[in-house]
N, C-alpha and C. Protein backbone atom coordinates (compact mmCIF):
# COMPACT_ATOMS: atom_id res chain seq x y z
N UNK A 1 9.17 26.96 -10.98
CA UNK A 1 9.88 27.19 -9.76
C UNK A 1 11.33 27.49 -10.09
N UNK A 2 11.84 28.59 -9.61
CA UNK A 2 13.21 29.01 -9.88
C UNK A 2 14.09 28.64 -8.69
N UNK A 3 15.13 27.90 -8.95
CA UNK A 3 16.07 27.48 -7.92
C UNK A 3 17.40 28.15 -8.21
N UNK A 4 17.97 28.79 -7.20
CA UNK A 4 19.26 29.45 -7.37
C UNK A 4 20.38 28.50 -6.96
N UNK A 5 21.26 28.15 -7.88
CA UNK A 5 22.34 27.22 -7.53
C UNK A 5 23.39 27.88 -6.65
N UNK A 6 24.06 27.07 -5.81
CA UNK A 6 25.15 27.58 -4.99
C UNK A 6 26.36 27.89 -5.86
N UNK A 7 26.60 27.07 -6.86
CA UNK A 7 27.57 27.34 -7.91
C UNK A 7 26.84 27.02 -9.20
N UNK A 8 27.35 27.41 -10.35
CA UNK A 8 26.59 27.19 -11.59
C UNK A 8 26.08 25.76 -11.74
N UNK A 9 24.75 25.64 -11.79
CA UNK A 9 24.07 24.36 -12.03
C UNK A 9 24.35 23.29 -10.98
N UNK A 10 24.72 23.69 -9.77
CA UNK A 10 24.96 22.74 -8.69
C UNK A 10 24.13 23.17 -7.49
N UNK A 11 23.36 22.23 -6.94
CA UNK A 11 22.45 22.54 -5.84
C UNK A 11 22.69 21.60 -4.67
N UNK A 12 22.50 22.11 -3.49
CA UNK A 12 22.60 21.27 -2.29
C UNK A 12 21.24 20.67 -1.99
N UNK A 13 21.22 19.66 -1.13
CA UNK A 13 19.97 19.02 -0.75
C UNK A 13 19.06 20.00 -0.01
N UNK A 14 19.64 20.88 0.80
CA UNK A 14 18.81 21.84 1.53
C UNK A 14 18.20 22.88 0.58
N UNK A 15 18.95 23.31 -0.44
CA UNK A 15 18.39 24.24 -1.41
C UNK A 15 17.18 23.63 -2.13
N UNK A 16 17.33 22.39 -2.55
CA UNK A 16 16.24 21.73 -3.28
C UNK A 16 15.06 21.40 -2.39
N UNK A 17 15.33 21.00 -1.16
CA UNK A 17 14.20 20.69 -0.28
C UNK A 17 13.39 21.95 0.00
N UNK A 18 14.06 23.09 0.17
CA UNK A 18 13.33 24.36 0.37
C UNK A 18 12.58 24.75 -0.90
N UNK A 19 13.24 24.65 -2.03
CA UNK A 19 12.64 25.08 -3.30
C UNK A 19 11.41 24.26 -3.67
N UNK A 20 11.41 22.97 -3.33
CA UNK A 20 10.30 22.09 -3.69
C UNK A 20 9.40 21.77 -2.51
N UNK A 21 9.62 22.46 -1.40
CA UNK A 21 8.78 22.30 -0.21
C UNK A 21 8.67 20.82 0.20
N UNK A 22 9.82 20.18 0.25
CA UNK A 22 9.90 18.79 0.68
C UNK A 22 11.06 18.68 1.66
N UNK A 23 11.22 17.56 2.26
CA UNK A 23 12.30 17.41 3.25
C UNK A 23 13.53 16.77 2.62
N UNK A 24 14.70 17.04 3.21
CA UNK A 24 15.90 16.34 2.75
C UNK A 24 15.73 14.82 2.88
N UNK A 25 15.01 14.40 3.92
CA UNK A 25 14.76 12.97 4.11
C UNK A 25 14.00 12.39 2.91
N UNK A 26 13.00 13.12 2.40
CA UNK A 26 12.25 12.66 1.23
C UNK A 26 13.18 12.53 0.02
N UNK A 27 14.06 13.49 -0.17
CA UNK A 27 15.00 13.42 -1.30
C UNK A 27 15.94 12.23 -1.16
N UNK A 28 16.39 11.97 0.06
CA UNK A 28 17.24 10.78 0.28
C UNK A 28 16.44 9.49 0.04
N UNK A 29 15.16 9.51 0.41
CA UNK A 29 14.30 8.35 0.15
C UNK A 29 14.17 8.11 -1.35
N UNK A 30 13.92 9.17 -2.12
CA UNK A 30 13.80 9.02 -3.58
C UNK A 30 15.12 8.50 -4.16
N UNK A 31 16.23 8.92 -3.59
CA UNK A 31 17.52 8.41 -4.03
C UNK A 31 17.62 6.92 -3.72
N UNK A 32 17.18 6.51 -2.53
CA UNK A 32 17.27 5.09 -2.14
C UNK A 32 16.40 4.21 -3.04
N UNK A 33 15.35 4.79 -3.61
CA UNK A 33 14.46 4.05 -4.51
C UNK A 33 14.93 4.12 -5.96
N UNK A 34 16.05 4.78 -6.20
CA UNK A 34 16.62 4.84 -7.54
C UNK A 34 16.02 5.91 -8.44
N UNK A 35 15.24 6.82 -7.86
CA UNK A 35 14.63 7.87 -8.68
C UNK A 35 15.58 9.04 -8.90
N UNK A 36 16.51 9.23 -8.00
CA UNK A 36 17.51 10.29 -8.10
C UNK A 36 18.90 9.70 -7.97
N UNK A 37 19.85 10.29 -8.67
CA UNK A 37 21.24 9.85 -8.57
C UNK A 37 22.14 11.08 -8.49
N UNK A 38 22.15 11.74 -7.33
CA UNK A 38 23.00 12.93 -7.21
C UNK A 38 24.48 12.55 -7.21
N UNK A 39 25.28 13.50 -7.63
CA UNK A 39 26.74 13.33 -7.54
C UNK A 39 27.13 13.49 -6.07
N UNK A 40 28.35 13.13 -5.75
CA UNK A 40 28.86 13.31 -4.39
C UNK A 40 30.07 14.23 -4.43
N UNK A 41 30.11 15.10 -3.45
CA UNK A 41 31.27 15.96 -3.24
C UNK A 41 31.68 15.73 -1.79
N UNK A 42 32.54 14.73 -1.58
CA UNK A 42 32.84 14.30 -0.23
C UNK A 42 31.59 13.66 0.35
N UNK A 43 31.18 14.07 1.54
CA UNK A 43 29.99 13.48 2.15
C UNK A 43 28.68 14.13 1.67
N UNK A 44 28.78 15.15 0.83
CA UNK A 44 27.61 15.92 0.43
C UNK A 44 27.03 15.47 -0.90
N UNK A 45 25.71 15.51 -0.97
CA UNK A 45 25.02 15.25 -2.24
C UNK A 45 25.01 16.55 -3.04
N UNK A 46 25.28 16.41 -4.33
CA UNK A 46 25.30 17.56 -5.23
C UNK A 46 24.34 17.26 -6.38
N UNK A 47 23.39 18.14 -6.57
CA UNK A 47 22.35 17.92 -7.58
C UNK A 47 22.56 18.86 -8.75
N UNK A 48 22.47 18.29 -9.95
CA UNK A 48 22.59 19.08 -11.18
C UNK A 48 21.22 19.34 -11.79
N UNK A 49 21.23 19.91 -12.99
CA UNK A 49 19.97 20.26 -13.66
C UNK A 49 19.10 19.04 -13.94
N UNK A 50 19.72 17.93 -14.28
CA UNK A 50 18.96 16.70 -14.54
C UNK A 50 18.16 16.30 -13.30
N UNK A 51 18.81 16.33 -12.15
CA UNK A 51 18.15 15.95 -10.91
C UNK A 51 17.04 16.94 -10.55
N UNK A 52 17.25 18.20 -10.81
CA UNK A 52 16.21 19.21 -10.54
C UNK A 52 14.96 18.90 -11.36
N UNK A 53 15.14 18.56 -12.64
CA UNK A 53 13.99 18.20 -13.49
C UNK A 53 13.29 16.96 -12.93
N UNK A 54 14.08 15.98 -12.51
CA UNK A 54 13.50 14.75 -11.97
C UNK A 54 12.75 15.02 -10.66
N UNK A 55 13.31 15.85 -9.80
CA UNK A 55 12.63 16.19 -8.54
C UNK A 55 11.30 16.89 -8.84
N UNK A 56 11.30 17.78 -9.79
CA UNK A 56 10.05 18.47 -10.15
C UNK A 56 8.98 17.45 -10.56
N UNK A 57 9.35 16.49 -11.38
CA UNK A 57 8.41 15.45 -11.81
C UNK A 57 7.97 14.59 -10.62
N UNK A 58 8.91 14.20 -9.78
CA UNK A 58 8.59 13.36 -8.63
C UNK A 58 7.60 14.06 -7.70
N UNK A 59 7.88 15.31 -7.36
CA UNK A 59 7.02 16.04 -6.43
C UNK A 59 5.62 16.21 -7.02
N UNK A 60 5.54 16.59 -8.28
CA UNK A 60 4.23 16.76 -8.91
C UNK A 60 3.47 15.44 -8.99
N UNK A 61 4.18 14.37 -9.32
CA UNK A 61 3.55 13.06 -9.44
C UNK A 61 3.05 12.57 -8.09
N UNK A 62 3.82 12.80 -7.03
CA UNK A 62 3.38 12.41 -5.69
C UNK A 62 2.13 13.19 -5.29
N UNK A 63 2.09 14.48 -5.63
CA UNK A 63 0.91 15.29 -5.32
C UNK A 63 -0.33 14.76 -6.04
N UNK A 64 -0.13 14.15 -7.20
CA UNK A 64 -1.23 13.57 -7.97
C UNK A 64 -1.59 12.15 -7.52
N UNK A 65 -0.82 11.61 -6.57
CA UNK A 65 -1.14 10.30 -6.02
C UNK A 65 -0.46 9.14 -6.70
N UNK A 66 0.54 9.39 -7.54
CA UNK A 66 1.24 8.28 -8.19
C UNK A 66 2.15 7.58 -7.21
N UNK A 67 2.30 6.28 -7.40
CA UNK A 67 3.19 5.48 -6.56
C UNK A 67 4.64 5.64 -7.01
N UNK A 68 5.54 5.18 -6.18
CA UNK A 68 6.97 5.22 -6.53
C UNK A 68 7.22 4.42 -7.81
N UNK A 69 6.59 3.26 -7.95
CA UNK A 69 6.77 2.43 -9.15
C UNK A 69 6.26 3.17 -10.39
N UNK A 70 5.12 3.83 -10.27
CA UNK A 70 4.58 4.58 -11.40
C UNK A 70 5.49 5.75 -11.76
N UNK A 71 6.02 6.42 -10.74
CA UNK A 71 6.94 7.54 -10.99
C UNK A 71 8.19 7.04 -11.70
N UNK A 72 8.69 5.90 -11.27
CA UNK A 72 9.87 5.32 -11.93
C UNK A 72 9.57 5.05 -13.41
N UNK A 73 8.38 4.51 -13.69
CA UNK A 73 7.98 4.26 -15.09
C UNK A 73 7.98 5.57 -15.89
N UNK A 74 7.44 6.61 -15.29
CA UNK A 74 7.38 7.91 -15.97
C UNK A 74 8.79 8.44 -16.22
N UNK A 75 9.64 8.41 -15.21
CA UNK A 75 11.00 8.92 -15.36
C UNK A 75 11.78 8.13 -16.40
N UNK A 76 11.55 6.82 -16.46
CA UNK A 76 12.27 5.98 -17.42
C UNK A 76 11.89 6.27 -18.86
N UNK A 77 10.76 6.93 -19.07
CA UNK A 77 10.31 7.23 -20.43
C UNK A 77 10.96 8.48 -21.02
N UNK A 78 11.75 9.20 -20.24
CA UNK A 78 12.31 10.46 -20.74
C UNK A 78 13.24 10.25 -21.92
N UNK A 79 12.95 10.97 -22.98
CA UNK A 79 13.81 11.03 -24.17
C UNK A 79 13.86 12.49 -24.60
N UNK A 80 15.07 13.06 -24.69
CA UNK A 80 15.15 14.47 -25.08
C UNK A 80 14.48 14.75 -26.43
N UNK A 81 14.49 13.77 -27.31
CA UNK A 81 13.94 13.99 -28.65
C UNK A 81 12.43 14.21 -28.65
N UNK A 82 11.70 13.66 -27.68
CA UNK A 82 10.25 13.85 -27.68
C UNK A 82 9.79 14.92 -26.69
N UNK A 83 10.76 15.58 -26.04
CA UNK A 83 10.48 16.70 -25.13
C UNK A 83 9.51 16.32 -24.01
N UNK A 84 9.59 15.08 -23.55
CA UNK A 84 8.78 14.65 -22.43
C UNK A 84 7.36 14.24 -22.75
N UNK A 85 6.99 14.18 -24.03
CA UNK A 85 5.61 13.82 -24.40
C UNK A 85 5.23 12.41 -23.93
N UNK A 86 6.15 11.48 -24.01
CA UNK A 86 5.86 10.12 -23.56
C UNK A 86 5.59 10.10 -22.06
N UNK A 87 6.32 10.91 -21.32
CA UNK A 87 6.10 11.01 -19.89
C UNK A 87 4.71 11.57 -19.59
N UNK A 88 4.35 12.61 -20.29
CA UNK A 88 3.04 13.24 -20.07
C UNK A 88 1.93 12.25 -20.41
N UNK A 89 2.07 11.52 -21.52
CA UNK A 89 1.05 10.54 -21.90
C UNK A 89 0.90 9.47 -20.82
N UNK A 90 2.01 9.03 -20.24
CA UNK A 90 1.97 8.01 -19.20
C UNK A 90 1.27 8.54 -17.94
N UNK A 91 1.57 9.78 -17.55
CA UNK A 91 0.92 10.38 -16.39
C UNK A 91 -0.58 10.51 -16.64
N UNK A 92 -0.96 10.93 -17.84
CA UNK A 92 -2.38 11.04 -18.19
C UNK A 92 -3.05 9.68 -18.07
N UNK A 93 -2.40 8.64 -18.55
CA UNK A 93 -2.94 7.28 -18.46
C UNK A 93 -3.13 6.87 -16.99
N UNK A 94 -2.11 7.08 -16.16
CA UNK A 94 -2.22 6.74 -14.75
C UNK A 94 -3.34 7.53 -14.07
N UNK A 95 -3.45 8.82 -14.39
CA UNK A 95 -4.47 9.66 -13.77
C UNK A 95 -5.87 9.26 -14.21
N UNK A 96 -6.04 8.90 -15.47
CA UNK A 96 -7.35 8.43 -15.93
C UNK A 96 -7.78 7.17 -15.20
N UNK A 97 -6.84 6.24 -15.03
CA UNK A 97 -7.15 5.00 -14.31
C UNK A 97 -7.48 5.28 -12.85
N UNK A 98 -6.71 6.17 -12.23
CA UNK A 98 -6.95 6.52 -10.83
C UNK A 98 -8.31 7.20 -10.67
N UNK A 99 -8.61 8.11 -11.57
CA UNK A 99 -9.89 8.82 -11.53
C UNK A 99 -11.05 7.84 -11.68
N UNK A 100 -10.90 6.86 -12.56
CA UNK A 100 -11.94 5.86 -12.75
C UNK A 100 -12.17 5.07 -11.46
N UNK A 101 -11.09 4.67 -10.79
CA UNK A 101 -11.23 3.96 -9.51
C UNK A 101 -11.89 4.84 -8.45
N UNK A 102 -11.48 6.10 -8.39
CA UNK A 102 -12.06 7.02 -7.41
C UNK A 102 -13.54 7.26 -7.67
N UNK A 103 -13.92 7.37 -8.94
CA UNK A 103 -15.33 7.55 -9.28
C UNK A 103 -16.15 6.34 -8.86
N UNK A 104 -15.61 5.14 -9.07
CA UNK A 104 -16.31 3.91 -8.65
C UNK A 104 -16.46 3.88 -7.12
N UNK A 105 -15.41 4.25 -6.41
CA UNK A 105 -15.49 4.31 -4.95
C UNK A 105 -16.51 5.35 -4.51
N UNK A 106 -16.57 6.49 -5.19
CA UNK A 106 -17.52 7.54 -4.84
C UNK A 106 -18.96 7.05 -5.05
N UNK A 107 -19.19 6.31 -6.14
CA UNK A 107 -20.54 5.76 -6.37
C UNK A 107 -20.94 4.80 -5.26
N UNK A 108 -20.01 3.93 -4.85
CA UNK A 108 -20.29 2.99 -3.75
C UNK A 108 -20.59 3.74 -2.46
N UNK A 109 -19.76 4.74 -2.16
CA UNK A 109 -19.95 5.51 -0.92
C UNK A 109 -21.27 6.27 -0.95
N UNK A 110 -21.65 6.82 -2.09
CA UNK A 110 -22.91 7.55 -2.22
C UNK A 110 -24.09 6.61 -2.00
N UNK A 111 -24.03 5.41 -2.57
CA UNK A 111 -25.11 4.44 -2.40
C UNK A 111 -25.21 4.01 -0.93
N UNK A 112 -24.09 3.76 -0.29
CA UNK A 112 -24.10 3.35 1.11
C UNK A 112 -24.62 4.48 1.99
N UNK A 113 -24.24 5.70 1.70
CA UNK A 113 -24.72 6.85 2.45
C UNK A 113 -26.24 6.98 2.34
N UNK A 114 -26.77 6.84 1.14
CA UNK A 114 -28.22 6.91 0.94
C UNK A 114 -28.92 5.80 1.73
N UNK A 115 -28.35 4.61 1.71
CA UNK A 115 -28.93 3.49 2.45
C UNK A 115 -28.95 3.78 3.95
N UNK A 116 -27.84 4.27 4.49
CA UNK A 116 -27.76 4.56 5.92
C UNK A 116 -28.68 5.71 6.31
N UNK A 117 -28.75 6.74 5.47
CA UNK A 117 -29.65 7.85 5.76
C UNK A 117 -31.11 7.39 5.73
N UNK A 118 -31.43 6.45 4.85
CA UNK A 118 -32.77 5.89 4.79
C UNK A 118 -33.12 5.16 6.07
N UNK A 119 -32.15 4.48 6.66
CA UNK A 119 -32.38 3.78 7.92
C UNK A 119 -32.67 4.77 9.05
N UNK A 120 -32.06 5.94 8.98
CA UNK A 120 -32.28 6.94 10.02
C UNK A 120 -33.67 7.57 9.95
N UNK A 121 -34.28 7.53 8.79
CA UNK A 121 -35.57 8.21 8.63
C UNK A 121 -36.76 7.26 8.75
N UNK A 122 -36.53 5.99 9.06
CA UNK A 122 -37.65 5.05 9.23
C UNK A 122 -38.45 5.47 10.46
N UNK A 123 -39.75 5.64 10.33
CA UNK A 123 -40.56 6.13 11.45
C UNK A 123 -40.67 5.12 12.59
N UNK A 124 -40.71 5.65 13.83
CA UNK A 124 -40.98 4.84 15.00
C UNK A 124 -39.81 4.03 15.52
N UNK A 125 -38.63 4.25 15.03
CA UNK A 125 -37.48 3.50 15.53
C UNK A 125 -36.40 4.45 16.01
N UNK A 126 -35.77 4.10 17.12
CA UNK A 126 -34.69 4.93 17.65
C UNK A 126 -33.33 4.56 17.05
N UNK A 127 -33.24 3.39 16.44
CA UNK A 127 -31.99 2.94 15.85
C UNK A 127 -32.30 2.18 14.57
N UNK A 128 -31.34 2.09 13.66
CA UNK A 128 -31.60 1.38 12.41
C UNK A 128 -31.92 -0.08 12.67
N UNK A 129 -32.97 -0.58 12.04
CA UNK A 129 -33.35 -1.98 12.16
C UNK A 129 -32.46 -2.80 11.23
N UNK A 130 -32.01 -3.94 11.72
CA UNK A 130 -31.12 -4.77 10.92
C UNK A 130 -31.84 -6.07 10.60
N UNK A 131 -31.80 -6.40 9.33
CA UNK A 131 -32.33 -7.69 8.89
C UNK A 131 -31.42 -8.76 9.47
N UNK A 132 -31.99 -9.77 10.11
CA UNK A 132 -31.19 -10.80 10.78
C UNK A 132 -30.29 -11.55 9.80
N UNK A 133 -30.64 -11.55 8.53
CA UNK A 133 -29.83 -12.26 7.54
C UNK A 133 -28.63 -11.44 7.09
N UNK A 134 -28.66 -10.12 7.29
CA UNK A 134 -27.56 -9.28 6.82
C UNK A 134 -26.44 -9.24 7.84
N UNK A 135 -25.30 -8.88 7.40
CA UNK A 135 -24.15 -8.78 8.27
C UNK A 135 -24.23 -7.47 9.04
N UNK A 136 -23.71 -7.45 10.27
CA UNK A 136 -23.70 -6.19 11.03
C UNK A 136 -22.75 -5.19 10.40
N UNK A 137 -23.01 -3.93 10.64
CA UNK A 137 -22.11 -2.88 10.16
C UNK A 137 -20.91 -2.85 11.08
N UNK A 138 -19.72 -2.95 10.49
CA UNK A 138 -18.48 -2.90 11.27
C UNK A 138 -17.59 -1.84 10.66
N UNK A 139 -16.72 -1.33 11.46
CA UNK A 139 -15.81 -0.30 10.93
C UNK A 139 -14.51 -0.88 10.49
């Protein structure tokens, strides 16, 4: 994503919110959580190249479902000497764990769906029969 600075390497909150398809409110929220530290020019927030890199990571991480705490962990791992490899490894770790949880949830949902569909196909009944010992289905 190419962002055009208003002056060399200086961006306004509106420029970045448009460039990253997010709201100025979201950027202020990330600042309140300590993920961003823009400079100030009077009452205005001024973002440099460092903040642009951090916003890119934050937006991508949020799209992948990472929490604010996880994003903070990823951002804290940045070292110019490793070119972001530690950050990438951490994101991969978080995504593998998340995928594992989602796969387990999908297996549970698939089993429950099969059970409920089986109840619908029992002959001679207009509604699923419930074993008196089982708990009722609640939402």
